[in-house]
All heavy atoms as atom14 arrays in JSON, in Angstrom:
{
  "sequence": "ALSSLEGELKGTYHTLGTMDKETQQRLIDDHFLFKEGD",
  "atom14_mask": [
    [1, 1, 1, 1, 1, 0, 0, 0, 0, 0, 0, 0, 0, 0],
    [1, 1, 1, 1, 1, 1, 1, 1, 0, 0, 0, 0, 0, 0],
    [1, 1, 1, 1, 1, 1, 0, 0, 0, 0, 0, 0, 0, 0],
    [1, 1, 1, 1, 1, 1, 0, 0, 0, 0, 0, 0, 0, 0],
    [1, 1, 1, 1, 1, 1, 1, 1, 0, 0, 0, 0, 0, 0],
    [1, 1, 1, 1, 1, 1, 1, 1, 1, 0, 0, 0, 0, 0],
    [1, 1, 1, 1, 0, 0, 0, 0, 0, 0, 0, 0, 0, 0],
    [1, 1, 1, 1, 1, 1, 1, 1, 1, 0, 0, 0, 0, 0],
    [1, 1, 1, 1, 1, 1, 1, 1, 0, 0, 0, 0, 0, 0],
    [1, 1, 1, 1, 1, 1, 1, 1, 1, 0, 0, 0, 0, 0],
    [1, 1, 1, 1, 0, 0, 0, 0, 0, 0, 0, 0, 0, 0],
    [1, 1, 1, 1, 1, 1, 1, 0, 0, 0, 0, 0, 0, 0],
    [1, 1, 1, 1, 1, 1, 1, 1, 1, 1, 1, 1, 0, 0],
    [1, 1, 1, 1, 1, 1, 1, 1, 1, 1, 0, 0, 0, 0],
    [1, 1, 1, 1, 1, 1, 1, 0, 0, 0, 0, 0, 0, 0],
    [1, 1, 1, 1, 1, 1, 1, 1, 0, 0, 0, 0, 0, 0],
    [1, 1, 1, 1, 0, 0, 0, 0, 0, 0, 0, 0, 0, 0],
    [1, 1, 1, 1, 1, 1, 1, 0, 0, 0, 0, 0, 0, 0],
    [1, 1, 1, 1, 1, 1, 1, 1, 0, 0, 0, 0, 0, 0],
    [1, 1, 1, 1, 1, 1, 1, 1, 0, 0, 0, 0, 0, 0],
    [1, 1, 1, 1, 1, 1, 1, 1, 1, 0, 0, 0, 0, 0],
    [1, 1, 1, 1, 1, 1, 1, 1, 1, 0, 0, 0, 0, 0],
    [1, 1, 1, 1, 1, 1, 1, 0, 0, 0, 0, 0, 0, 0],
    [1, 1, 1, 1, 1, 1, 1, 1, 1, 0, 0, 0, 0, 0],
    [1, 1, 1, 1, 1, 1, 1, 1, 1, 0, 0, 0, 0, 0],
    [1, 1, 1, 1, 1, 1, 1, 1, 1, 1, 1, 0, 0, 0],
    [1, 1, 1, 1, 1, 1, 1, 1, 0, 0, 0, 0, 0, 0],
    [1, 1, 1, 1, 1, 1, 1, 1, 0, 0, 0, 0, 0, 0],
    [1, 1, 1, 1, 1, 1, 1, 1, 0, 0, 0, 0, 0, 0],
    [1, 1, 1, 1, 1, 1, 1, 1, 0, 0, 0, 0, 0, 0],
    [1, 1, 1, 1, 1, 1, 1, 1, 1, 1, 0, 0, 0, 0],
    [1, 1, 1, 1, 1, 1, 1, 1, 1, 1, 1, 0, 0, 0],
    [1, 1, 1, 1, 1, 1, 1, 1, 0, 0, 0, 0, 0, 0],
    [1, 1, 1, 1, 1, 1, 1, 1, 1, 1, 1, 0, 0, 0],
    [1, 1, 1, 1, 1, 1, 1, 1, 1, 0, 0, 0, 0, 0],
    [1, 1, 1, 1, 1, 1, 1, 1, 1, 0, 0, 0, 0, 0],
    [1, 1, 1, 1, 0, 0, 0, 0, 0, 0, 0, 0, 0, 0],
    [1, 1, 1, 1, 1, 1, 1, 1, 0, 0, 0, 0, 0, 0]
  ],
  "atom14_positions": [
    [[5.35, -32.32, -27.86], [5.39, -31.46, -28.79], [4.88, -30.04, -28.37], [5.58, -28.98, -28.78], [4.46, -31.88, -29.96], [0.0, 0.0, 0.0], [0.0, 0.0, 0.0], [0.0, 0.0, 0.0], [0.0, 0.0, 0.0], [0.0, 0.0, 0.0], [0.0, 0.0, 0.0], [0.0, 0.0, 0.0], [0.0, 0.0, 0.0], [0.0, 0.0, 0.0]],
    [[3.9, -30.02, -27.63], [3.43, -28.68, -26.96], [4.48, -28.07, -25.98], [4.39, -26.82, -25.89], [2.15, -28.89, -26.38], [0.96, -29.37, -27.31], [-0.21, -29.75, -26.49], [0.64, -28.31, -28.33], [0.0, 0.0, 0.0], [0.0, 0.0, 0.0], [0.0, 0.0, 0.0], [0.0, 0.0, 0.0], [0.0, 0.0, 0.0], [0.0, 0.0, 0.0]],
    [[5.16, -28.81, -25.35], [6.12, -28.33, -24.35], [7.24, -27.57, -25.0], [7.92, -26.77, -24.25], [6.77, -29.53, -23.57], [7.58, -30.22, -24.39], [0.0, 0.0, 0.0], [0.0, 0.0, 0.0], [0.0, 0.0, 0.0], [0.0, 0.0, 0.0], [0.0, 0.0, 0.0], [0.0, 0.0, 0.0], [0.0, 0.0, 0.0], [0.0, 0.0, 0.0]],
    [[7.36, -27.65, -26.3], [8.48, -26.88, -27.04], [7.93, -25.52, -27.4], [8.84, -24.71, -27.83], [8.96, -27.58, -28.28], [7.82, -27.8, -29.22], [0.0, 0.0, 0.0], [0.0, 0.0, 0.0], [0.0, 0.0, 0.0], [0.0, 0.0, 0.0], [0.0, 0.0, 0.0], [0.0, 0.0, 0.0], [0.0, 0.0, 0.0], [0.0, 0.0, 0.0]],
    [[6.69, -25.1, -27.27], [6.21, -23.88, -27.73], [6.76, -22.78, -26.78], [6.82, -23.0, -25.63], [4.7, -24.02, -27.66], [3.98, -24.88, -28.69], [2.49, -24.96, -28.59], [4.44, -24.56, -30.04], [0.0, 0.0, 0.0], [0.0, 0.0, 0.0], [0.0, 0.0, 0.0], [0.0, 0.0, 0.0], [0.0, 0.0, 0.0], [0.0, 0.0, 0.0]],
    [[6.97, -21.65, -27.44], [7.51, -20.55, -26.66], [6.59, -19.27, -26.91], [5.64, -19.24, -27.79], [8.93, -20.26, -27.13], [9.89, -21.38, -26.88], [10.05, -21.55, -25.36], [9.89, -20.65, -24.55], [10.65, -22.72, -25.0], [0.0, 0.0, 0.0], [0.0, 0.0, 0.0], [0.0, 0.0, 0.0], [0.0, 0.0, 0.0], [0.0, 0.0, 0.0]],
    [[6.99, -18.15, -26.27], [6.33, -16.89, -26.44], [4.92, -16.93, -25.94], [4.7, -17.61, -24.88], [0.0, 0.0, 0.0], [0.0, 0.0, 0.0], [0.0, 0.0, 0.0], [0.0, 0.0, 0.0], [0.0, 0.0, 0.0], [0.0, 0.0, 0.0], [0.0, 0.0, 0.0], [0.0, 0.0, 0.0], [0.0, 0.0, 0.0], [0.0, 0.0, 0.0]],
    [[3.89, -16.32, -26.6], [2.56, -16.35, -26.15], [1.82, -17.73, -26.27], [0.8, -17.93, -25.54], [1.76, -15.31, -26.97], [1.49, -15.65, -28.37], [0.38, -14.9, -29.04], [-0.49, -14.39, -28.36], [0.5, -14.77, -30.36], [0.0, 0.0, 0.0], [0.0, 0.0, 0.0], [0.0, 0.0, 0.0], [0.0, 0.0, 0.0], [0.0, 0.0, 0.0]],
    [[2.53, -18.65, -26.99], [1.89, -19.98, -27.01], [2.43, -20.84, -25.76], [1.87, -21.99, -25.65], [2.36, -20.59, -28.33], [1.95, -19.95, -29.65], [2.55, -20.69, -30.84], [0.33, -19.94, -29.74], [0.0, 0.0, 0.0], [0.0, 0.0, 0.0], [0.0, 0.0, 0.0], [0.0, 0.0, 0.0], [0.0, 0.0, 0.0], [0.0, 0.0, 0.0]],
    [[3.35, -20.39, -25.13], [3.89, -21.17, -24.07], [2.87, -21.51, -23.04], [2.16, -20.51, -22.6], [5.18, -20.57, -23.48], [5.84, -21.35, -22.4], [7.07, -20.65, -21.87], [7.87, -21.38, -20.76], [8.28, -22.66, -21.29], [0.0, 0.0, 0.0], [0.0, 0.0, 0.0], [0.0, 0.0, 0.0], [0.0, 0.0, 0.0], [0.0, 0.0, 0.0]],
    [[2.73, -22.64, -22.51], [1.68, -22.92, -21.5], [1.93, -24.23, -20.82], [3.11, -24.77, -20.83], [0.0, 0.0, 0.0], [0.0, 0.0, 0.0], [0.0, 0.0, 0.0], [0.0, 0.0, 0.0], [0.0, 0.0, 0.0], [0.0, 0.0, 0.0], [0.0, 0.0, 0.0], [0.0, 0.0, 0.0], [0.0, 0.0, 0.0], [0.0, 0.0, 0.0]],
    [[0.87, -24.87, -20.32], [0.94, -26.15, -19.43], [-0.02, -27.12, -19.84], [-1.21, -26.78, -20.3], [0.73, -25.73, -18.06], [1.67, -24.62, -17.6], [0.96, -26.98, -17.11], [0.0, 0.0, 0.0], [0.0, 0.0, 0.0], [0.0, 0.0, 0.0], [0.0, 0.0, 0.0], [0.0, 0.0, 0.0], [0.0, 0.0, 0.0], [0.0, 0.0, 0.0]],
    [[0.29, -28.38, -19.92], [-0.61, -29.43, -20.2], [-1.12, -30.0, -19.04], [-0.4, -30.29, -18.0], [0.14, -30.56, -21.1], [-0.9, -31.62, -21.56], [-1.61, -31.5, -22.75], [-0.95, -32.81, -20.73], [-2.32, -32.51, -23.05], [-1.92, -33.76, -21.12], [-2.54, -33.6, -22.28], [-3.48, -34.59, -22.75], [0.0, 0.0, 0.0], [0.0, 0.0, 0.0]],
    [[-2.41, -30.24, -19.03], [-3.18, -30.83, -17.83], [-3.84, -32.1, -18.34], [-4.7, -32.05, -19.11], [-4.13, -29.91, -17.29], [-3.62, -28.56, -16.97], [-3.23, -28.16, -15.76], [-3.34, -27.4, -17.81], [-2.62, -26.83, -15.76], [-2.79, -26.37, -16.96], [0.0, 0.0, 0.0], [0.0, 0.0, 0.0], [0.0, 0.0, 0.0], [0.0, 0.0, 0.0]],
    [[-3.45, -33.23, -17.77], [-4.23, -34.51, -18.08], [-5.36, -34.62, -17.33], [-5.58, -34.24, -16.15], [-3.2, -35.62, -17.83], [-3.81, -36.89, -18.37], [-2.88, -35.86, -16.29], [0.0, 0.0, 0.0], [0.0, 0.0, 0.0], [0.0, 0.0, 0.0], [0.0, 0.0, 0.0], [0.0, 0.0, 0.0], [0.0, 0.0, 0.0], [0.0, 0.0, 0.0]],
    [[-6.41, -35.01, -17.96], [-7.84, -35.12, -17.49], [-7.82, -36.09, -16.26], [-8.59, -35.84, -15.25], [-8.77, -35.46, -18.51], [-10.27, -34.91, -18.26], [-10.3, -33.5, -18.31], [-11.09, -35.5, -19.63], [0.0, 0.0, 0.0], [0.0, 0.0, 0.0], [0.0, 0.0, 0.0], [0.0, 0.0, 0.0], [0.0, 0.0, 0.0], [0.0, 0.0, 0.0]],
    [[-7.12, -37.13, -16.37], [-7.16, -38.12, -15.36], [-6.66, -37.65, -13.91], [-7.23, -38.26, -12.92], [0.0, 0.0, 0.0], [0.0, 0.0, 0.0], [0.0, 0.0, 0.0], [0.0, 0.0, 0.0], [0.0, 0.0, 0.0], [0.0, 0.0, 0.0], [0.0, 0.0, 0.0], [0.0, 0.0, 0.0], [0.0, 0.0, 0.0], [0.0, 0.0, 0.0]],
    [[-5.97, -36.68, -13.87], [-5.48, -36.05, -12.52], [-6.11, -34.81, -12.15], [-5.78, -34.22, -11.16], [-3.9, -35.97, -12.59], [-3.55, -35.1, -13.53], [-3.28, -37.37, -12.73], [0.0, 0.0, 0.0], [0.0, 0.0, 0.0], [0.0, 0.0, 0.0], [0.0, 0.0, 0.0], [0.0, 0.0, 0.0], [0.0, 0.0, 0.0], [0.0, 0.0, 0.0]],
    [[-7.01, -34.28, -13.02], [-7.51, -32.97, -12.75], [-8.77, -33.13, -11.84], [-9.65, -34.02, -12.03], [-7.99, -32.38, -14.08], [-8.56, -30.91, -14.05], [-9.2, -30.26, -15.48], [-7.72, -30.31, -16.5], [0.0, 0.0, 0.0], [0.0, 0.0, 0.0], [0.0, 0.0, 0.0], [0.0, 0.0, 0.0], [0.0, 0.0, 0.0], [0.0, 0.0, 0.0]],
    [[-8.88, -32.29, -10.83], [-9.92, -32.44, -9.86], [-11.28, -31.98, -10.56], [-11.22, -31.16, -11.52], [-9.68, -31.53, -8.58], [-9.62, -30.09, -8.89], [-10.6, -29.43, -8.97], [-8.5, -29.56, -9.01], [0.0, 0.0, 0.0], [0.0, 0.0, 0.0], [0.0, 0.0, 0.0], [0.0, 0.0, 0.0], [0.0, 0.0, 0.0], [0.0, 0.0, 0.0]],
    [[-12.42, -32.32, -9.98], [-13.68, -32.09, -10.54], [-14.08, -30.61, -10.63], [-14.59, -30.17, -11.61], [-14.73, -32.93, -9.84], [-14.66, -34.34, -9.99], [-14.83, -34.9, -11.42], [-14.69, -36.43, -11.42], [-14.81, -36.93, -12.92], [0.0, 0.0, 0.0], [0.0, 0.0, 0.0], [0.0, 0.0, 0.0], [0.0, 0.0, 0.0], [0.0, 0.0, 0.0]],
    [[-13.62, -29.93, -9.66], [-13.89, -28.48, -9.63], [-13.23, -27.76, -10.72], [-13.88, -26.78, -11.31], [-13.54, -27.85, -8.16], [-13.93, -26.49, -7.94], [-13.5, -25.97, -6.6], [-13.25, -26.77, -5.69], [-13.26, -24.68, -6.57], [0.0, 0.0, 0.0], [0.0, 0.0, 0.0], [0.0, 0.0, 0.0], [0.0, 0.0, 0.0], [0.0, 0.0, 0.0]],
    [[-12.03, -28.1, -10.85], [-11.19, -27.37, -11.87], [-11.87, -27.72, -13.26], [-11.96, -26.89, -14.16], [-9.76, -27.8, -11.98], [-9.23, -27.45, -10.67], [-9.0, -27.14, -13.04], [0.0, 0.0, 0.0], [0.0, 0.0, 0.0], [0.0, 0.0, 0.0], [0.0, 0.0, 0.0], [0.0, 0.0, 0.0], [0.0, 0.0, 0.0], [0.0, 0.0, 0.0]],
    [[-12.22, -28.96, -13.52], [-12.83, -29.52, -14.6], [-14.13, -28.67, -15.02], [-14.28, -28.18, -16.14], [-13.2, -30.98, -14.67], [-12.03, -31.94, -14.82], [-12.53, -33.42, -14.94], [-13.54, -33.61, -15.6], [-11.85, -34.22, -14.31], [0.0, 0.0, 0.0], [0.0, 0.0, 0.0], [0.0, 0.0, 0.0], [0.0, 0.0, 0.0], [0.0, 0.0, 0.0]],
    [[-14.9, -28.58, -14.06], [-16.31, -27.86, -14.26], [-16.0, -26.45, -14.54], [-16.68, -25.8, -15.38], [-17.08, -28.07, -13.01], [-18.55, -27.64, -13.32], [-19.18, -28.35, -14.42], [-19.23, -29.65, -14.49], [-19.72, -27.71, -15.49], [0.0, 0.0, 0.0], [0.0, 0.0, 0.0], [0.0, 0.0, 0.0], [0.0, 0.0, 0.0], [0.0, 0.0, 0.0]],
    [[-15.05, -25.82, -13.86], [-14.81, -24.38, -14.13], [-14.38, -24.2, -15.63], [-14.73, -23.28, -16.24], [-13.8, -23.87, -13.09], [-13.48, -22.37, -13.3], [-12.53, -21.71, -12.29], [-11.17, -22.17, -12.41], [-10.57, -23.17, -11.68], [-11.14, -23.66, -10.67], [-9.35, -23.47, -11.99], [0.0, 0.0, 0.0], [0.0, 0.0, 0.0], [0.0, 0.0, 0.0]],
    [[-13.44, -25.06, -16.06], [-12.92, -24.87, -17.5], [-14.07, -25.22, -18.44], [-14.15, -24.61, -19.49], [-11.79, -25.9, -17.67], [-10.5, -25.56, -16.94], [-9.48, -26.71, -17.07], [-9.85, -24.29, -17.44], [0.0, 0.0, 0.0], [0.0, 0.0, 0.0], [0.0, 0.0, 0.0], [0.0, 0.0, 0.0], [0.0, 0.0, 0.0], [0.0, 0.0, 0.0]],
    [[-14.86, -26.13, -18.18], [-16.16, -26.41, -18.97], [-17.05, -25.18, -18.96], [-17.48, -24.81, -20.06], [-16.89, -27.69, -18.44], [-15.97, -28.95, -18.75], [-18.23, -27.83, -19.26], [-16.47, -30.26, -18.04], [0.0, 0.0, 0.0], [0.0, 0.0, 0.0], [0.0, 0.0, 0.0], [0.0, 0.0, 0.0], [0.0, 0.0, 0.0], [0.0, 0.0, 0.0]],
    [[-17.35, -24.58, -17.83], [-18.21, -23.43, -17.83], [-17.56, -22.25, -18.48], [-18.46, -21.41, -19.05], [-18.47, -23.08, -16.39], [-19.32, -24.12, -15.65], [-20.0, -24.86, -16.26], [-19.35, -24.19, -14.44], [0.0, 0.0, 0.0], [0.0, 0.0, 0.0], [0.0, 0.0, 0.0], [0.0, 0.0, 0.0], [0.0, 0.0, 0.0], [0.0, 0.0, 0.0]],
    [[-16.29, -22.19, -18.6], [-15.72, -21.23, -19.33], [-15.49, -21.35, -20.74], [-14.86, -20.61, -21.57], [-14.27, -20.76, -18.63], [-14.44, -20.19, -17.24], [-15.44, -19.64, -16.97], [-13.42, -20.27, -16.52], [0.0, 0.0, 0.0], [0.0, 0.0, 0.0], [0.0, 0.0, 0.0], [0.0, 0.0, 0.0], [0.0, 0.0, 0.0], [0.0, 0.0, 0.0]],
    [[-16.06, -22.49, -21.16], [-15.96, -22.99, -22.63], [-14.52, -23.32, -23.01], [-14.27, -23.1, -24.28], [-16.46, -21.86, -23.58], [-17.95, -21.4, -23.35], [-19.1, -22.08, -23.68], [-18.44, -20.26, -22.57], [-20.1, -21.52, -23.32], [-19.75, -20.38, -22.69], [0.0, 0.0, 0.0], [0.0, 0.0, 0.0], [0.0, 0.0, 0.0], [0.0, 0.0, 0.0]],
    [[-13.74, -23.62, -22.13], [-12.39, -24.04, -22.48], [-12.11, -25.57, -22.7], [-11.41, -26.03, -23.41], [-11.39, -23.59, -21.37], [-11.19, -22.1, -21.28], [-11.16, -21.43, -20.13], [-10.93, -21.32, -22.39], [-11.11, -20.1, -20.0], [-10.79, -19.93, -22.32], [-10.9, -19.41, -21.13], [0.0, 0.0, 0.0], [0.0, 0.0, 0.0], [0.0, 0.0, 0.0]],
    [[-12.9, -26.25, -21.86], [-12.73, -27.77, -21.8], [-13.81, -28.6, -22.32], [-15.08, -28.23, -22.1], [-12.37, -28.15, -20.29], [-12.01, -29.75, -20.0], [-10.81, -30.11, -20.74], [-11.91, -30.0, -18.57], [0.0, 0.0, 0.0], [0.0, 0.0, 0.0], [0.0, 0.0, 0.0], [0.0, 0.0, 0.0], [0.0, 0.0, 0.0], [0.0, 0.0, 0.0]],
    [[-13.55, -29.67, -23.02], [-14.59, -30.47, -23.52], [-15.05, -31.41, -22.27], [-14.43, -31.44, -21.28], [-14.08, -31.43, -24.48], [-12.84, -32.24, -24.29], [-12.89, -33.47, -23.68], [-11.57, -31.66, -24.48], [-11.76, -34.14, -23.37], [-10.37, -32.37, -24.12], [-10.54, -33.72, -23.6], [0.0, 0.0, 0.0], [0.0, 0.0, 0.0], [0.0, 0.0, 0.0]],
    [[-16.08, -32.12, -22.53], [-16.65, -33.0, -21.43], [-17.16, -34.31, -22.05], [-17.48, -34.42, -23.15], [-17.75, -32.37, -20.64], [-18.94, -31.93, -21.35], [-19.95, -31.11, -20.57], [-21.17, -30.73, -21.39], [-22.17, -30.14, -20.6], [0.0, 0.0, 0.0], [0.0, 0.0, 0.0], [0.0, 0.0, 0.0], [0.0, 0.0, 0.0], [0.0, 0.0, 0.0]],
    [[-17.18, -35.36, -21.16], [-17.67, -36.65, -21.49], [-19.17, -36.53, -21.55], [-19.83, -35.73, -20.78], [-17.21, -37.68, -20.56], [-17.7, -39.13, -20.93], [-17.16, -40.1, -19.81], [-16.95, -39.69, -18.69], [-17.19, -41.32, -20.16], [0.0, 0.0, 0.0], [0.0, 0.0, 0.0], [0.0, 0.0, 0.0], [0.0, 0.0, 0.0], [0.0, 0.0, 0.0]],
    [[-19.83, -37.41, -22.41], [-21.24, -37.53, -22.26], [-22.03, -37.14, -23.57], [-23.3, -37.31, -23.66], [0.0, 0.0, 0.0], [0.0, 0.0, 0.0], [0.0, 0.0, 0.0], [0.0, 0.0, 0.0], [0.0, 0.0, 0.0], [0.0, 0.0, 0.0], [0.0, 0.0, 0.0], [0.0, 0.0, 0.0], [0.0, 0.0, 0.0], [0.0, 0.0, 0.0]],
    [[-21.29, -36.67, -24.65], [-21.88, -36.37, -25.79], [-22.62, -37.71, -26.46], [-21.73, -38.71, -26.66], [-20.9, -35.71, -26.88], [-21.64, -35.43, -28.19], [-21.74, -36.33, -28.99], [-21.95, -34.17, -28.4], [0.0, 0.0, 0.0], [0.0, 0.0, 0.0], [0.0, 0.0, 0.0], [0.0, 0.0, 0.0], [0.0, 0.0, 0.0], [0.0, 0.0, 0.0]]
  ]
}
C-alpha cells in the first residue's frame, strides 16, 4: 500500500528484521523509530 504513494509522500520501507543495529539506533535517537522493550 505504501509503495503506491507519490510526491512528497514517496519513500522506502525498511523491515526491522534486516536492518543493522547501527541504523536502528540512529533512527531511534532521531525519534523516528520505535524500539522493543516497553
